Amino acid sequence: MTVNGIIAEYNPFHNGHLYQLEESRRLTNADYTVVIMSGDFVQRGAPALICKHARAKMALGCGADLVIELPVLYAAASAEYFAAGAVALLDKLGVVTHLCFGSECGNDALLWQLARALSEEPEEYRTALKQFLKEGAAYPCARSRALDAVRSLELPEGWREILASPNNLLGMEYIRALLKRNSSITPVTVKRLGAGYHETMHGSALAIRQTLRQGADRENAKKAVYSDMPPKAASILLGQLKERPPMHGDALSSILYFKLFRESEYGYEKYLDLSSDLSDRIQKMLGSFTGYEAFCQLLKTRNMTYSRISRCLLHILLDIEKEHMELGRSLDYAPYARVLGFRKEALPLLTAIKRHSSIPLVTKLLRGQKCLPKDACRLLNLDIRASGIYNGVLWSGSGRPAPSEFSTPLVLL
């Protein structure tokens, strides 16, 4: 059995995602595709446009066979931990043969060479990296400077341009995670077509989110969505938007301010990725808070990106602490696999996973809470709390109760 693994956010699922899914299936001649998908919060430190179950339905409707949730601990973390958590899930399922991902360069060999070089991390490199970080350089800049300083590393030509592109960088982290696990999974990259993550041109997930956020009238929004998304995915998105407006960071402003204000006396250093410097800056600037996204801009510095600050604020809001990541690492990142949905035709895949997986599949939360070990349950409860906050904010003021994680059924197609 050949099984593709794809790591994604699908925020939302667009034509580029469909191309990657179909092309990776063609390249590997896969029988099934497993998607590890971020839940209700995504890596740039923001809430997803629509809820995770609707996005899982998009993926299944467009060709995926099984969708598993990437825990929020990793979904809203830096690229290294995002990759480590997702790759651990794929590896522990015991049936995934290929990890397929999009990249700007589309070159497996280049990414493999760069990943292997970085995985070696000689003492000279680690010392230089620590020094540049100590001097205040942002991590991406510090890493490039450290690599420049180490002549013993065999880096491919054009490595700076490779590391400057977000999907190349993420793909390299996937390969590094595979190497660290000594995994048998084969990485396969599909060259991305069209828009990159930070571009607003037609066809990108960012462009779709901006169109919807800018309040385009329903007819224009419908045209934009159907031009950039597969019909099945577009229909699901528009159906969701009939009930509630699209979710965005500023929707969390009030609840974030309350959390920051309540804890301002003690500081925020216990939360994941929070430095003492950033904690102090949040305390000093809290009086200028006007909204989630504006506060990120206010806190941003030359050495700390908007995305990192946004993730840090999200960690505070969701009570994700440094000790949670230490716990996740001690459990080898993935002590269970939470299923969001699957296609009925994929039952042979599920049977194979149950036979070969080294971790349990969680399909019912109550049963998962009862059966999982205490430490694994702590990680599961982070996701339950995160989705409770997401749904509570999304449905606030609607006159209807927010959906419960415990009563929301699996997506079955």
Protein backbone atom coordinates (compact mmCIF):
# COMPACT_ATOMS: atom_id res chain seq x y z
CA MET A 1 0.00 0.00 0.00
CA THR A 2 1.40 3.41 -1.00
CA VAL A 3 0.22 6.23 1.26
CA ASN A 4 0.96 9.93 0.79
CA GLY A 5 1.21 12.23 3.76
CA ILE A 6 0.48 15.94 3.34
CA ILE A 7 0.89 18.60 6.04
CA ALA A 8 -1.39 21.59 5.53
CA GLU A 9 -3.54 24.36 6.92
CA TYR A 10 -6.05 24.67 4.04
CA ASN A 11 -6.95 28.17 5.15
CA PRO A 12 -8.84 27.88 2.87
CA PHE A 13 -8.36 24.99 0.41
CA HIS A 14 -7.65 26.53 -3.01
CA ASN A 15 -6.68 25.42 -6.52
CA GLY A 16 -2.98 25.28 -5.63
CA HIS A 17 -3.75 22.78 -2.89
CA LEU A 18 -5.76 20.69 -5.33
CA TYR A 19 -2.85 20.70 -7.78
CA GLN A 20 -0.43 19.59 -5.04
CA LEU A 21 -2.74 16.82 -3.89
CA GLU A 22 -3.31 15.46 -7.39
CA GLU A 23 0.31 15.89 -8.51
CA SER A 24 1.70 14.17 -5.43
CA ARG A 25 -0.68 11.28 -6.02
CA ARG A 26 0.53 11.07 -9.62
CA LEU A 27 4.22 11.22 -8.69
CA THR A 28 3.96 8.44 -6.10
CA ASN A 29 1.07 6.43 -7.56
CA ALA A 30 -0.46 6.54 -4.09
CA ASP A 31 -3.44 4.48 -3.04
CA TYR A 32 -4.43 6.88 -0.26
CA THR A 33 -3.64 10.38 1.03
CA VAL A 34 -3.46 11.26 4.73
CA VAL A 35 -3.57 14.97 5.62
CA ILE A 36 -2.21 16.35 8.88
CA MET A 37 -4.12 19.63 9.17
CA SER A 38 -3.92 22.53 11.61
CA GLY A 39 -6.99 22.88 13.78
CA ASP A 40 -8.73 26.17 14.56
CA PHE A 41 -5.50 28.18 14.81
CA VAL A 42 -2.70 28.41 12.25
CA GLN A 43 1.05 28.90 12.23
CA ARG A 44 1.10 32.65 11.63
CA GLY A 45 -0.52 33.03 15.07
CA ALA A 46 -4.09 33.64 13.98
CA PRO A 47 -7.47 31.91 13.98
CA ALA A 48 -8.35 29.97 10.84
CA LEU A 49 -10.81 31.59 8.44
CA ILE A 50 -13.42 28.90 9.15
CA CYS A 51 -13.54 26.00 11.60
CA LYS A 52 -11.39 22.88 11.30
CA HIS A 53 -14.26 20.49 10.55
CA ALA A 54 -15.37 22.57 7.56
CA ARG A 55 -11.79 22.72 6.28
CA ALA A 56 -11.45 18.96 6.77
CA LYS A 57 -14.60 18.54 4.68
CA MET A 58 -13.00 20.64 1.93
CA ALA A 59 -9.94 18.39 1.90
CA LEU A 60 -11.96 15.17 1.84
CA GLY A 61 -14.25 16.50 -0.86
CA CYS A 62 -11.24 17.33 -3.03
CA GLY A 63 -9.44 14.00 -2.80
CA ALA A 64 -7.92 13.45 0.65
CA ASP A 65 -8.83 10.15 2.33
CA LEU A 66 -8.14 10.87 6.01
CA VAL A 67 -7.69 14.15 7.90
CA ILE A 68 -5.95 14.19 11.28
CA GLU A 69 -5.66 17.30 13.44
CA LEU A 70 -2.23 18.77 14.10
CA PRO A 71 -2.33 19.72 17.81
CA VAL A 72 -2.41 23.45 18.46
CA LEU A 73 0.85 23.14 20.41
CA TYR A 74 2.61 22.54 17.08
CA ALA A 75 0.14 24.17 14.67
CA ALA A 76 0.79 27.60 16.22
CA ALA A 77 4.53 27.09 16.74
CA SER A 78 7.70 27.95 14.81
CA ALA A 79 8.54 26.02 11.64
CA GLU A 80 10.81 23.59 13.51
CA TYR A 81 8.13 22.48 15.96
CA PHE A 82 5.35 22.65 13.36
CA ALA A 83 7.33 20.19 11.26
CA ALA A 84 8.40 18.01 14.19
CA GLY A 85 4.84 17.52 15.44
CA ALA A 86 3.34 16.86 12.00
CA VAL A 87 6.11 14.49 10.86
CA ALA A 88 5.90 12.56 14.14
CA LEU A 89 2.18 12.01 13.52
CA LEU A 90 2.75 10.72 9.99
CA ASP A 91 5.63 8.51 11.10
CA LYS A 92 3.75 6.95 14.02
CA LEU A 93 0.76 6.00 11.88
CA GLY A 94 2.98 3.23 10.55
CA VAL A 95 1.61 3.19 7.00
CA VAL A 96 2.71 6.47 5.39
CA THR A 97 5.30 5.88 2.66
CA HIS A 98 5.77 9.43 1.27
CA LEU A 99 5.66 12.97 2.64
CA CYS A 100 4.58 15.30 -0.17
CA PHE A 101 4.92 19.06 0.17
CA GLY A 102 4.97 22.15 -2.02
CA SER A 103 8.10 24.27 -2.42
CA GLU A 104 9.22 27.23 -4.48
CA CYS A 105 12.32 25.43 -5.76
CA GLY A 106 10.65 22.07 -6.50
CA ASN A 107 13.98 20.27 -6.04
CA ASP A 108 14.09 17.30 -3.62
CA ALA A 109 17.87 16.90 -3.87
CA LEU A 110 18.62 20.55 -2.99
CA LEU A 111 16.31 20.55 0.03
CA TRP A 112 17.68 17.18 1.15
CA GLN A 113 21.28 18.44 0.93
CA LEU A 114 20.46 21.59 2.88
CA ALA A 115 18.47 19.69 5.52
CA ARG A 116 21.27 17.19 6.04
CA ALA A 117 23.86 19.97 6.38
CA LEU A 118 21.75 21.81 8.96
CA SER A 119 20.99 18.60 10.84
CA GLU A 120 24.70 18.04 11.45
CA GLU A 121 24.98 21.36 13.36
CA PRO A 122 28.72 21.34 14.10
CA GLU A 123 29.92 23.08 17.25
CA GLU A 124 31.24 26.01 15.22
CA TYR A 125 27.76 26.60 13.77
CA ARG A 126 25.99 26.36 17.15
CA THR A 127 28.45 28.79 18.72
CA ALA A 128 28.04 31.31 15.90
CA LEU A 129 24.24 31.00 15.98
CA LYS A 130 24.13 31.65 19.74
CA GLN A 131 26.39 34.66 19.33
CA PHE A 132 24.29 36.27 16.59
CA LEU A 133 21.08 35.62 18.53
CA LYS A 134 22.68 37.15 21.62
CA GLU A 135 23.50 40.23 19.55
CA GLY A 136 19.79 40.60 18.82
CA ALA A 137 19.49 39.19 15.30
CA ALA A 138 16.19 37.55 14.38
CA TYR A 139 16.51 33.76 14.08
CA PRO A 140 16.35 33.58 10.23
CA CYS A 141 19.05 36.26 9.94
CA ALA A 142 21.17 34.72 12.70
CA ARG A 143 21.02 31.32 11.04
CA SER A 144 22.12 32.68 7.65
CA ARG A 145 25.01 34.57 9.24
CA ALA A 146 26.05 31.46 11.19
CA LEU A 147 25.96 29.33 8.04
CA ASP A 148 28.09 31.93 6.29
CA ALA A 149 30.62 31.72 9.09
CA VAL A 150 31.02 27.92 8.93
CA ARG A 151 33.10 26.78 5.96
CA SER A 152 32.95 23.06 6.77
CA LEU A 153 29.27 22.71 5.87
CA GLU A 154 28.58 21.54 2.33
CA LEU A 155 25.73 23.84 1.36
CA PRO A 156 24.11 23.79 -2.09
CA GLU A 157 24.55 26.73 -4.41
CA GLY A 158 21.82 29.32 -3.87
CA TRP A 159 21.10 28.22 -0.31
CA ARG A 160 20.33 31.79 0.79
CA GLU A 161 17.53 32.10 -1.77
CA ILE A 162 16.22 28.67 -0.74
CA LEU A 163 16.04 29.66 2.94
CA ALA A 164 14.43 33.00 2.05
CA SER A 165 11.31 31.28 0.65
CA PRO A 166 8.80 30.13 3.29
CA ASN A 167 7.73 26.87 1.69
CA ASN A 168 11.31 25.86 0.89
CA LEU A 169 12.13 26.53 4.53
CA LEU A 170 9.20 24.47 5.77
CA GLY A 171 10.02 21.64 3.36
CA MET A 172 13.59 21.61 4.64
CA GLU A 173 12.26 21.37 8.21
CA TYR A 174 10.11 18.39 7.20
CA ILE A 175 13.19 16.61 5.86
CA ARG A 176 15.18 17.51 8.98
CA ALA A 177 12.41 16.02 11.11
CA LEU A 178 12.46 12.83 9.03
CA LEU A 179 16.23 12.60 9.44
CA LYS A 180 16.04 13.11 13.20
CA ARG A 181 13.48 10.32 13.46
CA ASN A 182 15.43 8.06 11.11
CA SER A 183 12.08 7.65 9.35
CA SER A 184 11.53 5.45 6.32
CA ILE A 185 9.13 7.99 4.82
CA THR A 186 10.35 9.38 1.47
CA PRO A 187 10.05 13.17 0.98
CA VAL A 188 8.65 14.32 -2.37
CA THR A 189 8.28 17.97 -3.31
CA VAL A 190 5.87 19.51 -5.81
CA LYS A 191 6.90 22.85 -7.30
CA ARG A 192 4.41 25.50 -6.28
CA LEU A 193 2.60 27.32 -9.06
CA GLY A 194 1.46 30.93 -8.81
CA ALA A 195 1.23 32.84 -5.56
CA GLY A 196 3.54 32.44 -2.63
CA TYR A 197 2.38 32.80 0.96
CA HIS A 198 3.14 36.50 1.31
CA GLU A 199 1.77 37.47 -2.10
CA THR A 200 -1.70 38.89 -2.61
CA MET A 201 -1.98 37.96 -6.25
CA HIS A 202 -4.92 35.98 -7.55
CA GLY A 203 -5.09 32.42 -6.32
CA SER A 204 -3.36 32.54 -2.91
CA ALA A 205 -4.98 31.70 0.40
CA LEU A 206 -3.99 35.17 1.61
CA ALA A 207 -5.74 36.81 -1.36
CA ILE A 208 -8.94 34.87 -0.64
CA ARG A 209 -8.86 35.83 3.05
CA GLN A 210 -8.25 39.49 2.21
CA THR A 211 -11.09 39.57 -0.30
CA LEU A 212 -13.49 38.22 2.29
CA ARG A 213 -12.13 40.43 5.06
CA GLN A 214 -12.48 43.60 2.97
CA GLY A 215 -16.22 43.06 2.87
CA ALA A 216 -16.75 42.42 -0.83
CA ASP A 217 -20.45 42.20 -1.65
CA ARG A 218 -21.77 38.65 -1.80
CA GLU A 219 -21.76 38.39 -5.59
CA ASN A 220 -18.16 39.60 -5.96
CA ALA A 221 -17.03 37.43 -3.07
CA LYS A 222 -18.69 34.44 -4.68
CA LYS A 223 -16.93 35.12 -8.00
CA ALA A 224 -13.56 35.49 -6.28
CA VAL A 225 -14.00 32.30 -4.27
CA TYR A 226 -15.11 30.20 -7.24
CA SER A 227 -12.28 31.51 -9.41
CA ASP A 228 -9.59 30.56 -6.86
CA MET A 229 -11.03 27.43 -5.25
CA PRO A 230 -12.30 24.03 -6.43
CA PRO A 231 -16.11 24.11 -6.67
CA LYS A 232 -16.63 21.70 -3.75
CA ALA A 233 -14.35 23.69 -1.46
CA ALA A 234 -15.87 27.02 -2.58
CA SER A 235 -19.37 25.74 -1.86
CA ILE A 236 -18.38 24.67 1.67
CA LEU A 237 -16.72 28.03 2.38
CA LEU A 238 -19.68 30.07 1.15
CA GLY A 239 -22.03 27.83 3.12
CA GLN A 240 -20.06 28.57 6.29
CA LEU A 241 -20.05 32.29 5.59
CA LYS A 242 -23.84 32.31 5.33
CA GLU A 243 -23.95 31.48 9.04
CA ARG A 244 -21.05 33.52 10.42
CA PRO A 245 -18.55 36.09 9.08
CA PRO A 246 -14.97 34.94 8.43
CA MET A 247 -12.78 34.67 11.51
CA HIS A 248 -9.70 36.89 11.88
CA GLY A 249 -7.21 37.95 14.52
CA ASP A 250 -8.99 41.12 15.62
CA ALA A 251 -12.04 39.07 16.60
CA LEU A 252 -9.89 37.90 19.54
CA SER A 253 -9.00 41.45 20.66
CA SER A 254 -11.28 41.71 23.70
CA ILE A 255 -10.47 38.30 25.13
CA LEU A 256 -6.75 38.81 24.51
CA TYR A 257 -6.76 42.21 26.24
CA PHE A 258 -8.55 40.72 29.24
CA LYS A 259 -5.92 37.96 29.49
CA LEU A 260 -3.00 40.37 29.11
CA PHE A 261 -4.44 42.84 31.61
CA ARG A 262 -5.24 40.17 34.20
CA GLU A 263 -1.67 38.82 34.14
CA SER A 264 0.22 42.07 33.57
CA GLU A 265 1.42 42.23 37.18
CA TYR A 266 3.27 38.92 36.88
CA GLY A 267 4.58 39.01 33.30
CA TYR A 268 4.28 36.42 30.58
CA GLU A 269 7.59 34.56 30.51
CA LYS A 270 6.02 31.20 31.33
CA TYR A 271 4.31 31.10 27.92
CA LEU A 272 5.84 29.35 24.94
CA ASP A 273 8.36 31.42 22.94
CA LEU A 274 8.06 34.45 25.25
CA SER A 275 11.37 36.09 26.14
CA SER A 276 11.79 38.36 29.15
CA ASP A 277 12.32 41.26 26.75
CA LEU A 278 9.04 40.68 24.93
CA SER A 279 7.22 40.14 28.22
CA ASP A 280 8.49 43.50 29.49
CA ARG A 281 7.53 45.22 26.23
CA ILE A 282 3.99 43.84 26.40
CA GLN A 283 3.64 45.14 29.96
CA LYS A 284 4.94 48.59 29.01
CA MET A 285 2.82 48.94 25.87
CA LEU A 286 -0.43 47.41 27.14
CA GLY A 287 -1.85 50.89 27.68
CA SER A 288 -1.63 51.45 23.90
CA PHE A 289 -3.58 48.28 23.03
CA THR A 290 -6.28 48.92 20.41
CA GLY A 291 -6.63 45.46 18.89
CA TYR A 292 -4.86 42.14 18.35
CA GLU A 293 -3.32 42.91 14.96
CA ALA A 294 -2.42 46.52 15.77
CA PHE A 295 -0.71 45.33 18.96
CA CYS A 296 1.39 42.88 16.94
CA GLN A 297 2.48 45.77 14.74
CA LEU A 298 3.25 47.89 17.79
CA LEU A 299 5.40 45.16 19.37
CA LYS A 300 7.23 44.26 16.17
CA THR A 301 10.93 45.10 16.03
CA ARG A 302 13.77 44.66 13.58
CA ASN A 303 14.70 41.42 15.34
CA MET A 304 11.24 40.03 16.04
CA THR A 305 8.79 39.42 13.22
CA TYR A 306 5.06 40.08 13.22
CA SER A 307 4.34 36.34 12.92
CA ARG A 308 6.45 35.42 15.94
CA ILE A 309 4.80 38.11 18.06
CA SER A 310 1.38 36.99 16.89
CA ARG A 311 2.22 33.41 17.89
CA CYS A 312 3.43 34.60 21.28
CA LEU A 313 0.20 36.50 21.94
CA LEU A 314 -1.78 33.45 20.84
CA HIS A 315 0.18 31.28 23.28
CA ILE A 316 -0.79 33.66 26.09
CA LEU A 317 -4.43 33.65 25.02
CA LEU A 318 -4.59 29.85 24.76
CA ASP A 319 -2.54 29.14 27.91
CA ILE A 320 0.21 27.35 25.97
CA GLU A 321 3.26 27.35 28.22
CA LYS A 322 6.90 26.41 27.76
CA GLU A 323 6.30 23.32 29.89
CA HIS A 324 3.70 22.10 27.37
CA MET A 325 6.33 21.95 24.63
CA GLU A 326 8.71 20.18 27.00
CA LEU A 327 5.93 17.69 27.70
CA GLY A 328 5.26 17.26 23.98
CA ARG A 329 8.94 16.57 23.32
CA SER A 330 9.10 14.07 26.20
CA LEU A 331 6.16 12.21 24.60
CA ASP A 332 7.97 12.16 21.24
CA TYR A 333 5.59 14.89 20.02
CA ALA A 334 2.59 12.71 19.08
CA PRO A 335 1.05 10.42 21.73
CA TYR A 336 -2.25 10.11 19.80
CA ALA A 337 -3.86 10.99 16.44
CA ARG A 338 -7.14 12.94 16.56
CA VAL A 339 -9.26 12.09 13.52
CA LEU A 340 -11.34 14.94 12.06
CA GLY A 341 -12.82 12.99 9.15
CA PHE A 342 -12.34 10.34 6.48
CA ARG A 343 -13.82 8.97 3.28
CA LYS A 344 -15.78 5.73 3.60
CA GLU A 345 -13.76 4.29 0.72
CA ALA A 346 -10.68 4.65 2.92
CA LEU A 347 -11.71 1.97 5.42
CA PRO A 348 -8.80 -0.30 4.30
CA LEU A 349 -6.46 2.58 5.18
CA LEU A 350 -7.97 2.91 8.66
CA THR A 351 -7.71 -0.83 9.16
CA ALA A 352 -4.03 -0.74 8.20
CA ILE A 353 -3.39 2.17 10.57
CA LYS A 354 -5.04 0.38 13.48
CA ARG A 355 -2.83 -2.62 12.77
CA HIS A 356 0.48 -0.76 12.38
CA SER A 357 0.16 2.52 14.31
CA SER A 358 2.18 3.00 17.47
CA ILE A 359 -0.34 5.55 18.79
CA PRO A 360 -4.12 5.37 19.30
CA LEU A 361 -6.59 6.99 16.91
CA VAL A 362 -8.94 9.32 18.78
CA THR A 363 -12.34 9.51 17.11
CA LYS A 364 -14.41 10.37 20.21
CA LEU A 365 -13.12 12.95 22.68
CA LEU A 366 -14.77 11.54 25.80
CA ARG A 367 -13.34 8.11 25.11
CA GLY A 368 -9.96 9.67 24.36
CA GLN A 369 -9.93 11.54 27.68
CA LYS A 370 -10.72 8.32 29.53
CA CYS A 371 -8.30 6.05 27.68
CA LEU A 372 -5.24 8.21 27.05
CA PRO A 373 -2.49 8.48 29.68
CA LYS A 374 -2.60 11.58 31.87
CA ASP A 375 0.20 13.46 30.07
CA ALA A 376 -1.25 12.76 26.62
CA CYS A 377 -4.60 14.00 27.91
CA ARG A 378 -2.99 17.30 28.88
CA LEU A 379 -2.05 17.88 25.24
CA LEU A 380 -5.50 16.84 24.02
CA ASN A 381 -7.09 19.27 26.48
CA LEU A 382 -5.09 22.13 24.95
CA ASP A 383 -6.90 21.48 21.66
CA ILE A 384 -10.28 21.18 23.34
CA ARG A 385 -9.75 24.52 25.10
CA ALA A 386 -8.43 26.21 21.94
CA SER A 387 -11.45 25.15 19.90
CA GLY A 388 -13.79 26.17 22.73
CA ILE A 389 -12.32 29.68 22.63
CA TYR A 390 -12.45 29.78 18.82
CA ASN A 391 -16.11 28.70 18.66
CA GLY A 392 -17.10 30.92 21.58
CA VAL A 393 -15.70 34.01 19.86
CA LEU A 394 -17.01 33.01 16.42
CA TRP A 395 -20.59 32.50 17.62
CA SER A 396 -20.66 35.37 20.13
CA GLY A 397 -23.61 37.65 19.50
CA SER A 398 -25.32 35.20 17.13
CA GLY A 399 -28.07 34.26 19.54
CA ARG A 400 -27.07 30.62 19.09
CA PRO A 401 -24.88 28.43 21.31
CA ALA A 402 -21.36 27.73 20.14
CA PRO A 403 -20.74 24.19 18.82
CA SER A 404 -19.13 21.85 21.33
CA GLU A 405 -16.02 19.81 20.55
CA PHE A 406 -17.68 16.87 22.27
CA SER A 407 -20.82 16.88 20.15
CA THR A 408 -19.35 17.79 16.75
CA PRO A 409 -19.32 14.58 14.67
CA LEU A 410 -16.53 13.30 12.46
CA VAL A 411 -16.72 14.39 8.83
CA LEU A 412 -17.68 11.31 6.78
CA LEU A 413 -17.88 11.38 2.99
